N, C-alpha and C. Protein backbone atom coordinates (compact mmCIF):
# COMPACT_ATOMS: atom_id res chain seq x y z
N MET A 1 -93.32 105.35 -46.51
CA MET A 1 -92.35 104.37 -46.06
C MET A 1 -91.01 104.75 -46.68
N PRO A 2 -89.99 104.98 -45.86
CA PRO A 2 -88.69 105.37 -46.40
C PRO A 2 -88.04 104.25 -47.20
N LEU A 3 -87.41 104.63 -48.28
CA LEU A 3 -86.65 103.69 -49.11
C LEU A 3 -85.18 104.08 -49.03
N LEU A 4 -84.32 103.09 -49.18
CA LEU A 4 -82.89 103.34 -49.09
C LEU A 4 -82.23 102.94 -50.40
N TYR A 5 -81.40 103.83 -50.92
CA TYR A 5 -80.63 103.52 -52.12
C TYR A 5 -79.18 103.90 -51.86
N VAL A 6 -78.27 102.98 -52.14
CA VAL A 6 -76.84 103.25 -51.99
C VAL A 6 -76.15 102.79 -53.26
N GLU A 7 -75.34 103.67 -53.82
CA GLU A 7 -74.56 103.35 -55.02
C GLU A 7 -73.70 102.11 -54.77
N GLY A 8 -73.68 101.19 -55.71
CA GLY A 8 -72.88 99.99 -55.58
C GLY A 8 -73.56 98.85 -54.83
N ARG A 9 -74.77 99.09 -54.39
CA ARG A 9 -75.58 98.06 -53.70
C ARG A 9 -74.91 97.45 -52.47
N THR A 10 -74.08 98.21 -51.79
CA THR A 10 -73.39 97.67 -50.62
C THR A 10 -74.35 97.31 -49.51
N VAL A 11 -75.38 98.11 -49.29
CA VAL A 11 -76.35 97.81 -48.24
C VAL A 11 -77.17 96.58 -48.64
N ALA A 12 -77.60 96.49 -49.88
CA ALA A 12 -78.35 95.33 -50.35
C ALA A 12 -77.53 94.06 -50.16
N LYS A 13 -76.25 94.13 -50.45
CA LYS A 13 -75.39 92.97 -50.28
C LYS A 13 -75.27 92.59 -48.81
N SER A 14 -75.13 93.58 -47.94
CA SER A 14 -74.99 93.28 -46.52
C SER A 14 -76.28 92.71 -45.92
N PHE A 15 -77.44 93.05 -46.50
CA PHE A 15 -78.71 92.51 -46.03
C PHE A 15 -79.06 91.20 -46.74
N GLY A 16 -78.24 90.79 -47.69
CA GLY A 16 -78.45 89.51 -48.35
C GLY A 16 -79.62 89.47 -49.31
N ILE A 17 -79.92 90.61 -49.95
CA ILE A 17 -81.07 90.62 -50.87
C ILE A 17 -80.67 90.76 -52.33
N GLY A 18 -79.38 90.70 -52.59
CA GLY A 18 -78.93 90.69 -53.99
C GLY A 18 -79.33 89.37 -54.64
N ALA A 19 -79.67 89.42 -55.90
CA ALA A 19 -80.09 88.21 -56.62
C ALA A 19 -79.56 88.25 -58.04
N PRO A 20 -78.96 87.15 -58.49
CA PRO A 20 -78.48 87.12 -59.87
C PRO A 20 -79.66 87.26 -60.85
N VAL A 21 -79.42 87.83 -61.95
CA VAL A 21 -80.37 88.05 -63.05
C VAL A 21 -81.39 89.13 -62.71
N ILE A 22 -82.14 89.02 -61.60
CA ILE A 22 -83.18 90.01 -61.30
C ILE A 22 -82.65 91.23 -60.57
N GLY A 23 -81.45 91.16 -60.04
CA GLY A 23 -80.85 92.30 -59.37
C GLY A 23 -81.04 92.28 -57.87
N LEU A 24 -82.27 92.49 -57.43
CA LEU A 24 -82.58 92.53 -55.99
C LEU A 24 -83.84 91.74 -55.70
N ARG A 25 -83.87 91.15 -54.52
CA ARG A 25 -85.11 90.51 -54.05
C ARG A 25 -85.99 91.58 -53.43
N ARG A 26 -87.31 91.37 -53.46
CA ARG A 26 -88.24 92.28 -52.79
C ARG A 26 -88.09 92.05 -51.30
N ALA A 27 -87.97 93.12 -50.53
CA ALA A 27 -87.75 92.97 -49.10
C ALA A 27 -88.38 94.10 -48.31
N VAL A 28 -88.82 93.76 -47.11
CA VAL A 28 -89.32 94.74 -46.15
C VAL A 28 -88.58 94.46 -44.84
N PHE A 29 -88.00 95.48 -44.26
CA PHE A 29 -87.28 95.35 -43.00
C PHE A 29 -87.88 96.30 -41.97
N VAL A 30 -87.97 95.85 -40.74
CA VAL A 30 -88.34 96.71 -39.62
C VAL A 30 -87.10 96.81 -38.75
N ILE A 31 -86.58 98.01 -38.62
CA ILE A 31 -85.36 98.27 -37.87
C ILE A 31 -85.70 99.20 -36.72
N ASP A 32 -85.27 98.83 -35.51
CA ASP A 32 -85.63 99.65 -34.35
C ASP A 32 -84.78 100.92 -34.29
N ARG A 33 -85.08 101.77 -33.35
CA ARG A 33 -84.41 103.07 -33.29
C ARG A 33 -82.93 102.96 -32.94
N HIS A 34 -82.50 101.79 -32.50
CA HIS A 34 -81.08 101.55 -32.20
C HIS A 34 -80.34 100.96 -33.39
N GLY A 35 -81.07 100.78 -34.50
CA GLY A 35 -80.46 100.25 -35.71
C GLY A 35 -80.41 98.74 -35.77
N ARG A 36 -81.12 98.06 -34.85
CA ARG A 36 -81.15 96.60 -34.85
C ARG A 36 -82.31 96.09 -35.69
N LEU A 37 -82.03 95.03 -36.42
CA LEU A 37 -83.06 94.40 -37.24
C LEU A 37 -84.06 93.71 -36.33
N HIS A 38 -85.32 94.10 -36.44
CA HIS A 38 -86.40 93.53 -35.63
C HIS A 38 -87.13 92.43 -36.40
N TRP A 39 -87.30 92.62 -37.71
CA TRP A 39 -88.09 91.69 -38.52
C TRP A 39 -87.78 91.91 -39.99
N LYS A 40 -87.88 90.83 -40.78
CA LYS A 40 -87.69 90.99 -42.23
C LYS A 40 -88.61 90.04 -42.98
N HIS A 41 -88.94 90.44 -44.19
CA HIS A 41 -89.73 89.64 -45.12
C HIS A 41 -89.05 89.77 -46.48
N VAL A 42 -88.52 88.67 -46.99
CA VAL A 42 -87.78 88.69 -48.25
C VAL A 42 -88.39 87.66 -49.19
N THR A 43 -88.67 88.07 -50.42
CA THR A 43 -89.18 87.14 -51.42
C THR A 43 -88.24 87.12 -52.62
N ALA A 44 -88.25 86.03 -53.32
CA ALA A 44 -87.34 85.86 -54.45
C ALA A 44 -87.68 86.79 -55.60
N VAL A 45 -88.93 86.88 -55.95
CA VAL A 45 -89.30 87.65 -57.12
C VAL A 45 -90.79 88.00 -57.03
N GLY A 46 -91.18 89.02 -57.74
CA GLY A 46 -92.60 89.39 -57.76
C GLY A 46 -92.95 90.37 -56.67
N ALA A 47 -94.19 90.73 -56.65
CA ALA A 47 -94.67 91.74 -55.71
C ALA A 47 -95.45 91.10 -54.58
N THR A 48 -94.83 90.17 -53.88
CA THR A 48 -95.49 89.56 -52.74
C THR A 48 -94.99 90.24 -51.47
N TYR A 49 -95.85 91.01 -50.89
CA TYR A 49 -95.51 91.74 -49.67
C TYR A 49 -96.36 91.20 -48.53
N PRO A 50 -95.88 91.35 -47.29
CA PRO A 50 -96.70 90.92 -46.17
C PRO A 50 -97.93 91.81 -46.06
N PRO A 51 -99.02 91.29 -45.52
CA PRO A 51 -100.20 92.12 -45.35
C PRO A 51 -99.93 93.26 -44.36
N ALA A 52 -100.67 94.33 -44.50
CA ALA A 52 -100.49 95.49 -43.62
C ALA A 52 -100.62 95.10 -42.15
N ALA A 53 -101.51 94.17 -41.84
CA ALA A 53 -101.69 93.74 -40.45
C ALA A 53 -100.41 93.13 -39.89
N ALA A 54 -99.65 92.43 -40.71
CA ALA A 54 -98.39 91.84 -40.26
C ALA A 54 -97.38 92.94 -39.93
N LEU A 55 -97.34 93.96 -40.75
CA LEU A 55 -96.43 95.08 -40.48
C LEU A 55 -96.84 95.84 -39.22
N VAL A 56 -98.13 96.07 -39.06
CA VAL A 56 -98.62 96.75 -37.87
C VAL A 56 -98.25 95.96 -36.62
N ALA A 57 -98.41 94.64 -36.67
CA ALA A 57 -98.06 93.80 -35.53
C ALA A 57 -96.57 93.88 -35.21
N GLN A 58 -95.73 93.88 -36.24
CA GLN A 58 -94.29 93.97 -36.01
C GLN A 58 -93.90 95.33 -35.44
N LEU A 59 -94.51 96.38 -35.95
CA LEU A 59 -94.22 97.72 -35.44
C LEU A 59 -94.70 97.87 -34.00
N ALA A 60 -95.84 97.26 -33.68
CA ALA A 60 -96.36 97.32 -32.31
C ALA A 60 -95.44 96.59 -31.34
N GLY A 61 -94.69 95.62 -31.84
CA GLY A 61 -93.78 94.86 -30.99
C GLY A 61 -92.47 95.56 -30.67
N LEU A 62 -92.22 96.70 -31.30
CA LEU A 62 -91.00 97.44 -31.02
C LEU A 62 -91.08 98.08 -29.65
N THR A 63 -89.98 98.06 -28.91
CA THR A 63 -89.96 98.74 -27.62
C THR A 63 -89.54 100.18 -27.81
N VAL A 64 -90.10 101.05 -27.05
CA VAL A 64 -89.83 102.49 -27.17
C VAL A 64 -88.62 102.87 -26.38
């Protein structure tokens, strides 16, 4: 799964996942091939991620 890092956290700020004290919220984004946000899952803190089945369903919903 590709990860994105940008100096200065400009992308994190634009996606609204910056958080005081902890730095960043945990987030998973599904972005289509046109660069449009299809789905997101953002949590305040901790390692709570959506189940793999939820990601598979979101990816299956992308149009080719």
